Every structure is written in C-alpha cells, then in structure tokens.
C-alpha cells in the first residue's frame, strides 16, 4: 500500500492550472501523461505536509492552505500495490517555477485541461473539484485502461 498526494495549482487571476507533462523520467508509469503535482508520503507526514513538500520539490513553488477535496483508491495501479491518494487544489502560491526533473511544467487554460493526454479517471475526478462535496472514490485500471469507478460524495 502506498499513500500519496495529488494537487492542482490554480491561478484564478489568469484562469490557468499548473500541469506537469511526464516526459523526463525513465520507466515512468505516467510517461506521456499530464498530471497535477504530488507524490508519495514520507514516514510521519500528514497529507498536507506531503503536498507542500512535493509541490516545492517538483515546481519550486511554495503553497499555503491546500484544500482537500477527497480521497481516491487505485487498486494495484502500478500493477503491484494499491495506491491511496489525497486530492488537493490550491490557489495560494508564490515563487518561481524550476526546471522539474519530473517533467515539463506548463500553465494550461482551465477549459483546456481536459483536452490534455490525461488518465481516463483524471478526466472524471477533475470535474468533481468544482463541487463543494467531499468524495471518496475508487478507480480500477487494468494495464493502464480504466475498467470502472465508484464514488461517494459527503
């Protein structure tokens, strides 16, 4: 079991979201996909501490007040282990973007994010981020293809 975080940084002034195009790392299960920022939790970290650290490491940006929207279960997503992911958005950030070793960072117009090469499940849960309900979801993939999903809103 792996605990992880995922965050979408939103620039409300310019109506853009920071996305990461995963094209730099070898043997990356996300290769060629666009993602938000985030990663695995370290021992003793809260989800909020993890996402603040991961965003800083991957983008150079310092974020404050990440907003937790929900929790997603990805059974055997990497073919081996279950992933449990805390999903955040943030609108409070400062700093300058760095050259990320994870991929290429780019500000994308909010209305064009869904047109990117995303995981199929991402296209579903990204719509939930504008809702005011907390969610718990489960996305089942097989060899990179979305099989089905279930969600509970609270």
Protein backbone atom coordinates (compact mmCIF):
# COMPACT_ATOMS: atom_id res chain seq x y z
CA UNK A 1 0.00 0.00 0.00
CA UNK A 2 1.28 3.43 -0.94
CA UNK A 3 -0.04 6.71 0.44
CA UNK A 4 0.28 9.68 -1.87
CA UNK A 5 -0.96 13.18 -2.61
CA UNK A 6 -2.01 14.97 -5.78
CA UNK A 7 -2.55 18.70 -6.16
CA UNK A 8 -3.83 21.01 -8.86
CA UNK A 9 -2.44 24.54 -8.50
CA UNK A 10 -4.95 27.03 -9.84
CA UNK A 11 -4.12 30.59 -10.88
CA UNK A 12 -7.55 32.23 -10.60
CA UNK A 13 -6.28 35.58 -11.90
CA UNK A 14 -5.25 34.07 -15.24
CA UNK A 15 -7.75 31.17 -15.29
CA UNK A 16 -4.97 28.57 -15.57
CA UNK A 17 -3.90 25.35 -13.86
CA UNK A 18 -0.28 24.22 -13.46
CA UNK A 19 0.18 20.82 -15.09
CA UNK A 20 3.16 18.51 -15.34
CA UNK A 21 3.86 16.72 -18.63
CA UNK A 22 5.62 13.49 -17.61
CA UNK A 23 8.27 13.12 -20.31
CA UNK A 24 11.61 13.17 -18.46
CA UNK A 25 11.90 10.13 -16.19
CA UNK A 26 12.81 6.68 -17.47
CA UNK A 27 10.40 3.84 -16.64
CA UNK A 28 7.74 6.32 -15.53
CA UNK A 29 4.31 4.69 -15.29
CA UNK A 30 2.88 8.14 -16.11
CA UNK A 31 5.10 8.64 -19.18
CA UNK A 32 3.48 10.96 -21.72
CA UNK A 33 0.59 11.83 -19.40
CA UNK A 34 -0.23 15.22 -17.92
CA UNK A 35 -0.73 15.28 -14.14
CA UNK A 36 -1.05 17.60 -11.22
CA UNK A 37 1.83 17.66 -8.75
CA UNK A 38 2.39 15.33 -5.83
CA UNK A 39 3.90 12.10 -4.72
CA UNK A 40 4.42 9.53 -2.01
CA UNK A 41 4.08 10.42 1.65
CA UNK A 42 7.15 10.05 3.83
CA UNK A 43 7.04 8.47 7.27
CA UNK A 44 5.29 10.69 9.79
CA UNK A 45 3.98 13.19 7.22
CA UNK A 46 0.42 14.41 7.12
CA UNK A 47 -1.18 14.69 3.67
CA UNK A 48 -0.86 18.49 3.90
CA UNK A 49 2.84 18.34 4.81
CA UNK A 50 3.43 15.92 1.95
CA UNK A 51 1.74 18.04 -0.71
CA UNK A 52 3.51 21.21 0.43
CA UNK A 53 6.88 19.38 0.23
CA UNK A 54 6.13 17.66 -3.09
CA UNK A 55 4.95 20.86 -4.79
CA UNK A 56 8.10 22.67 -3.64
CA UNK A 57 10.35 19.83 -4.86
CA UNK A 58 8.61 19.43 -8.23
CA UNK A 59 7.85 23.05 -9.10
CA UNK A 60 9.80 25.43 -6.84
CA UNK A 61 6.51 26.97 -5.70
CA UNK A 62 5.56 27.43 -2.06
CA UNK A 63 1.89 26.72 -1.42
CA UNK A 64 -0.30 27.58 1.55
CA UNK A 65 -3.75 26.40 2.58
CA UNK A 66 -4.13 23.36 0.30
CA UNK A 67 -7.80 22.37 0.14
CA UNK A 68 -8.58 18.66 0.49
CA UNK A 69 -11.37 17.59 -1.89
CA UNK A 70 -11.30 13.87 -1.45
CA UNK A 71 -9.58 10.55 -1.31
CA UNK A 72 -9.06 8.13 -4.21
CA UNK A 73 -8.22 4.43 -4.07
CA UNK A 74 -6.34 2.96 -7.04
CA UNK A 75 -6.16 -0.84 -6.54
CA UNK A 76 -2.86 -2.23 -7.91
CA UNK A 77 -2.48 0.89 -10.06
CA UNK A 78 1.19 0.21 -10.75
CA UNK A 79 0.40 -3.47 -11.22
CA UNK A 80 1.75 -4.27 -7.77
CA UNK A 81 0.37 -2.18 -4.94
CA UNK A 82 -2.75 -0.29 -4.03
CA UNK A 83 -2.36 3.50 -4.08
CA UNK A 84 -4.35 5.73 -1.75
CA UNK A 85 -4.27 9.35 -2.89
CA UNK A 86 -5.35 12.54 -1.11
CA UNK A 87 -6.56 15.05 -3.74
CA UNK A 88 -6.00 18.79 -3.22
CA UNK A 89 -6.32 22.10 -5.00
CA UNK A 90 -4.53 25.27 -4.02
CA UNK A 91 -4.85 28.88 -5.09
CA UNK A 92 -2.31 30.41 -2.67
CA UNK A 93 1.22 30.07 -4.01
CA UNK A 94 4.38 32.07 -4.62
CA UNK A 95 7.82 31.61 -6.08
CA UNK A 96 9.25 30.90 -9.50
CA UNK A 97 8.93 27.67 -11.44
CA UNK A 98 12.01 25.48 -11.64
CA UNK A 99 13.12 23.01 -14.30
CA UNK A 100 11.44 19.95 -12.80
CA UNK A 101 13.12 16.56 -13.02
CA UNK A 102 9.62 15.00 -13.11
CA UNK A 103 8.64 16.55 -16.45
CA UNK A 104 7.77 19.83 -18.12
CA UNK A 105 5.65 22.29 -16.13
CA UNK A 106 3.14 24.39 -18.02
CA UNK A 107 0.26 26.69 -17.11
CA UNK A 108 -2.78 25.43 -19.05
CA UNK A 109 -6.03 27.34 -19.62
CA UNK A 110 -8.59 25.76 -17.27
CA UNK A 111 -11.00 24.98 -20.12
CA UNK A 112 -8.24 23.10 -21.99
CA UNK A 113 -7.01 20.84 -19.16
CA UNK A 114 -9.48 18.06 -20.07
CA UNK A 115 -8.12 18.07 -23.65
CA UNK A 116 -4.65 17.01 -22.48
CA UNK A 117 -3.39 13.42 -22.52
CA UNK A 118 -4.74 12.57 -19.04
CA UNK A 119 -5.51 9.29 -17.38
CA UNK A 120 -9.17 8.48 -18.10
CA UNK A 121 -10.01 8.61 -14.41
CA UNK A 122 -8.49 12.08 -14.09
CA UNK A 123 -10.99 13.38 -16.65
CA UNK A 124 -13.74 12.15 -14.33
CA UNK A 125 -12.48 13.37 -10.95
CA UNK A 126 -11.25 16.75 -12.22
CA UNK A 127 -14.92 17.67 -12.72
CA UNK A 128 -15.56 17.00 -9.03
CA UNK A 129 -13.06 19.65 -7.91
CA UNK A 130 -15.54 22.46 -8.55
CA UNK A 131 -18.19 20.79 -6.38
CA UNK A 132 -18.45 21.61 -2.70
CA UNK A 133 -18.77 17.96 -1.62
CA UNK A 134 -16.01 15.80 -0.19
CA UNK A 135 -15.60 12.50 -2.02
CA UNK A 136 -14.17 9.05 -1.65
CA UNK A 137 -13.64 7.25 -4.94
CA UNK A 138 -12.18 4.05 -6.30
CA UNK A 139 -10.77 3.79 -9.83
CA UNK A 140 -9.94 0.35 -11.22
CA UNK A 141 -7.37 0.16 -14.00
CA UNK A 142 -6.04 -2.83 -15.91
CA UNK A 143 -2.83 -2.36 -17.92
CA UNK A 144 -3.38 1.41 -18.00
CA UNK A 145 -7.02 1.22 -19.10
CA UNK A 146 -9.84 2.41 -16.84
CA UNK A 147 -12.17 -0.51 -16.15
CA UNK A 148 -14.68 1.16 -13.82
CA UNK A 149 -15.04 3.51 -10.89
CA UNK A 150 -17.28 4.23 -7.91
CA UNK A 151 -17.69 7.35 -5.82
CA UNK A 152 -19.38 8.50 -2.65
CA UNK A 153 -19.99 12.20 -2.01
CA UNK A 154 -20.36 13.55 1.53
